[in-house]
Protein backbone atom coordinates (compact mmCIF):
# COMPACT_ATOMS: atom_id res chain seq x y z
CA MET A 1 9.05 6.99 -0.43
CA GLU A 2 10.03 9.26 -3.30
CA GLU A 3 12.39 6.55 -4.55
CA VAL A 4 9.44 4.11 -4.67
CA LEU A 5 7.44 6.63 -6.72
CA ASN A 6 10.41 7.16 -9.06
CA ARG A 7 10.82 3.42 -9.60
CA ILE A 8 7.12 3.00 -10.41
CA GLU A 9 7.18 5.94 -12.82
CA ALA A 10 10.30 4.62 -14.55
CA ALA A 11 8.64 1.23 -14.98
CA ALA A 12 5.63 2.91 -16.64
CA ALA A 13 7.76 4.92 -19.09
CA ASN A 14 6.76 4.60 -22.77
CA ARG A 15 3.75 2.36 -22.04
CA ALA A 16 0.03 2.84 -22.36
CA HIS A 17 -0.64 0.56 -19.35
CA ILE A 18 1.42 -0.89 -16.54
CA SER A 19 0.71 -4.16 -14.77
CA ILE A 20 0.83 -4.85 -11.06
CA GLU A 21 3.71 -7.24 -11.77
CA GLU A 22 5.72 -4.48 -13.45
CA MET A 23 5.12 -2.18 -10.48
CA MET A 24 6.12 -4.97 -8.08
CA ASN A 25 9.31 -5.56 -10.06
CA ALA A 26 10.06 -1.86 -9.80
CA VAL A 27 9.72 -1.75 -5.98
CA GLY A 28 11.14 -5.21 -5.26
CA HIS A 29 9.80 -8.71 -4.63
CA ARG A 30 11.78 -9.63 -1.54
CA THR A 31 9.99 -7.47 1.02
CA PHE A 32 6.34 -7.17 1.85
CA GLY A 33 6.39 -3.53 2.96
CA PRO A 34 6.89 -2.01 -0.52
CA LEU A 35 3.83 -3.87 -1.82
CA VAL A 36 1.69 -2.64 1.08
CA LEU A 37 2.95 0.88 0.37
CA LEU A 38 2.24 0.44 -3.36
CA VAL A 39 -1.35 -0.70 -2.68
CA GLY A 40 -1.84 2.25 -0.35
CA LEU A 41 -0.47 4.64 -2.97
CA ILE A 42 -2.82 3.25 -5.60
CA LEU A 43 -5.80 3.60 -3.27
CA VAL A 44 -5.14 7.23 -2.33
CA THR A 45 -5.03 8.26 -6.00
CA PRO A 46 -7.99 8.59 -8.38
CA LEU A 47 -7.34 4.95 -9.33
CA SER A 48 -9.39 3.97 -6.27
CA GLY A 49 -12.46 5.14 -8.18
CA VAL A 50 -11.95 2.49 -10.88
CA PRO A 51 -14.67 -0.15 -10.31
CA GLY A 52 -13.16 -3.25 -8.76
CA MET A 53 -9.85 -1.61 -7.87
CA PRO A 54 -10.43 -1.46 -4.07
CA THR A 55 -11.48 -5.13 -4.02
CA LEU A 56 -8.51 -6.13 -6.16
CA MET A 57 -6.12 -4.21 -3.91
CA GLY A 58 -7.71 -5.80 -0.82
CA LEU A 59 -7.16 -9.23 -2.36
CA LEU A 60 -3.56 -8.31 -3.12
CA ILE A 61 -2.97 -7.33 0.54
CA LEU A 62 -4.67 -10.49 1.80
CA LEU A 63 -2.54 -12.72 -0.42
CA THR A 64 0.65 -10.80 0.33
CA LEU A 65 0.50 -10.47 4.09
CA GLY A 66 -1.08 -13.89 4.52
CA GLN A 67 2.20 -15.23 3.16
CA LEU A 68 4.16 -13.15 5.68
CA LEU A 69 2.07 -14.53 8.53
CA VAL A 70 2.72 -18.14 7.48
CA GLY A 71 6.46 -17.50 7.38
CA ARG A 72 7.25 -17.11 3.68
CA GLU A 73 10.32 -15.03 2.99
CA HIS A 74 9.57 -14.29 -0.65
CA LEU A 75 6.37 -12.96 -2.17
CA TRP A 76 4.31 -15.08 -4.58
CA LEU A 77 1.10 -13.92 -6.31
CA PRO A 78 -1.06 -15.67 -8.92
CA ARG A 79 -0.40 -14.74 -12.53
CA TRP A 80 -4.00 -13.57 -13.18
CA LEU A 81 -3.65 -10.99 -10.44
CA VAL A 82 -0.23 -9.59 -11.30
CA GLN A 83 -1.16 -9.25 -14.96
CA ARG A 84 -3.94 -6.74 -14.17
CA GLN A 85 -3.11 -3.40 -15.77
CA ILE A 86 -3.59 0.24 -14.87
CA PRO A 87 -3.67 3.06 -17.45
CA ARG A 88 -0.32 4.90 -17.39
CA GLN A 89 -1.94 8.36 -17.54
CA ARG A 90 -3.93 7.72 -14.37
CA LEU A 91 -0.90 6.29 -12.63
CA ILE A 92 1.30 9.28 -13.55
CA ARG A 93 -1.41 11.71 -12.41
CA GLY A 94 -1.59 9.96 -9.06
CA LEU A 95 2.19 9.83 -8.65
CA THR A 96 2.44 13.54 -9.43
CA MET A 97 -0.10 14.31 -6.71
CA LEU A 98 1.86 12.21 -4.20
CA ARG A 99 5.36 13.56 -4.92
CA PRO A 100 5.28 16.60 -2.57
CA ALA A 101 3.97 14.45 0.29
CA ALA A 102 6.64 11.83 -0.42
CA ARG A 103 9.39 14.42 -0.05
CA GLY A 104 7.98 15.51 3.29
CA VAL A 105 7.62 11.95 4.57
CA ASP A 106 11.17 11.07 3.51
CA SER A 107 12.51 13.87 5.67
CA VAL A 108 11.04 12.45 8.90
CA ILE A 109 11.03 8.62 8.73
CA ARG A 110 13.95 6.58 10.08
CA PRO A 111 14.45 3.41 12.13
CA ARG A 112 13.35 4.07 15.74
CA TRP A 113 11.31 2.18 18.31
CA THR A 114 11.93 -0.82 16.08
CA LEU A 115 10.19 -3.25 18.42
CA LEU A 116 6.88 -1.78 17.21
CA ALA A 117 7.78 -2.29 13.55
CA SER A 118 9.63 -5.62 13.49
CA GLY A 119 9.19 -9.09 14.95
CA PRO A 120 5.85 -9.30 16.79
CA GLY A 121 5.11 -5.67 15.85
CA LEU A 122 5.46 -6.55 12.16
CA TYR A 123 3.05 -9.47 12.54
CA ALA A 124 0.55 -7.26 14.35
CA MET A 125 0.75 -4.70 11.51
CA ALA A 126 0.25 -7.50 8.99
CA LEU A 127 -2.90 -8.63 10.82
CA ALA A 128 -4.21 -5.06 10.89
CA CYS A 129 -3.64 -4.73 7.14
CA ILE A 130 -5.47 -8.02 6.54
CA VAL A 131 -8.46 -6.69 8.50
CA ILE A 132 -8.41 -3.59 6.28
CA SER A 133 -8.23 -5.77 3.16
CA LEU A 134 -11.33 -7.68 4.26
CA VAL A 135 -13.26 -4.38 4.40
CA MET A 136 -12.14 -3.22 0.95
CA PRO A 137 -15.09 -4.68 -1.03
CA ILE A 138 -17.47 -2.64 1.16
CA THR A 139 -15.60 0.55 0.25
CA GLU A 140 -16.72 0.07 -3.35
CA LEU A 141 -20.19 1.24 -2.30
CA VAL A 142 -19.04 4.77 -1.39
CA LEU A 143 -16.88 6.33 -4.09
CA PHE A 144 -13.31 6.99 -2.94
CA SER A 145 -13.92 5.80 0.64
CA SER A 146 -11.17 3.29 -0.05
CA SER A 147 -8.76 6.23 0.02
CA ILE A 148 -8.94 6.24 3.83
CA ALA A 149 -7.99 2.56 3.87
CA GLY A 150 -5.27 3.35 1.33
CA LEU A 151 -3.82 6.03 3.58
CA ILE A 152 -3.68 3.61 6.50
CA LEU A 153 -2.08 0.90 4.35
CA MET A 154 0.42 3.43 3.04
CA VAL A 155 1.46 4.40 6.58
CA PHE A 156 1.71 0.74 7.65
CA GLY A 157 3.81 0.07 4.53
CA LEU A 158 6.12 2.95 5.40
CA ALA A 159 6.51 1.59 8.93
CA MET A 160 7.34 -1.86 7.55
CA ILE A 161 9.92 -0.51 5.12
CA SER A 162 11.62 1.93 7.49
CA ARG A 163 11.21 -0.09 10.71
CA ASP A 164 9.95 3.14 12.24
CA GLY A 165 7.88 2.39 15.35
CA LEU A 166 6.66 5.97 15.55
CA VAL A 167 5.17 5.63 12.06
CA ALA A 168 3.65 2.31 13.15
CA LEU A 169 1.96 4.10 16.06
CA LEU A 170 0.60 6.68 13.63
CA ALA A 171 -0.81 3.90 11.44
CA TRP A 172 -2.48 2.27 14.45
CA GLY A 173 -4.00 5.62 15.43
CA LEU A 174 -5.35 6.14 11.92
CA MET A 175 -6.77 2.63 11.82
CA LEU A 176 -8.51 3.00 15.15
CA SER A 177 -9.96 6.40 14.21
CA ALA A 178 -11.05 5.38 10.68
CA PRO A 179 -14.55 4.24 11.71
CA MET A 180 -15.19 7.63 13.31
CA ILE A 181 -13.89 9.40 10.19
CA LEU A 182 -16.22 7.37 7.96
CA VAL A 183 -19.25 7.92 10.19
CA GLY A 184 -18.49 11.65 10.35
C-alpha cells in the first residue's frame, strides 16, 4: 500500500494538479484492484469534500469493475473522466495522512484464503463495489460520509491486489455494518 502512495506522490511531483489518468499510470493499468484502492484512498482524504468528487469516484468504480464483470482484461476509461484533475496540495495532504496506516497495513496483508479474493470471490467483491458506487451520489448530501464508502473500497482494493481472503472478509464486514454506522 505504501508503494501505491509513493507512486502517486511521485507522479504528482512538480505539478499544480494531477489527473486521474496520471494517478492510474502511476499505479498501473493492467489490474483493477489498484484503481479500487486509489478511489478508496481519494475518498478517505479531504478530497471527498470536493463537490462532485464522490459521484465522480462512484462513476469511476462503476466503469472499472463493470469491465471486470464482463471479462475485460485491461482497463479502459473515457478520456473526459481520466482528464479530471485534483489539486496537488490536497492530494499530498491526504497521502501524508495515510502513510502511517499504509505502513501498518503492509505489515499484515499477504495472500491467504485466496478463494475469497480470486475467481468467484473477486467477482463478488466487484459486485459489492458496484453497489457502493451506486450509493456514492447520495453521500454528497452529508459532508464526508463518502469516507465510509472510501474505507470499504480501499479494503476491497487491498484484498483484490493482495489476494488476501482475510482482508476480503474484513471488507465484507465493513460493508454490511456501514448502514448501522451511518444511522448511528
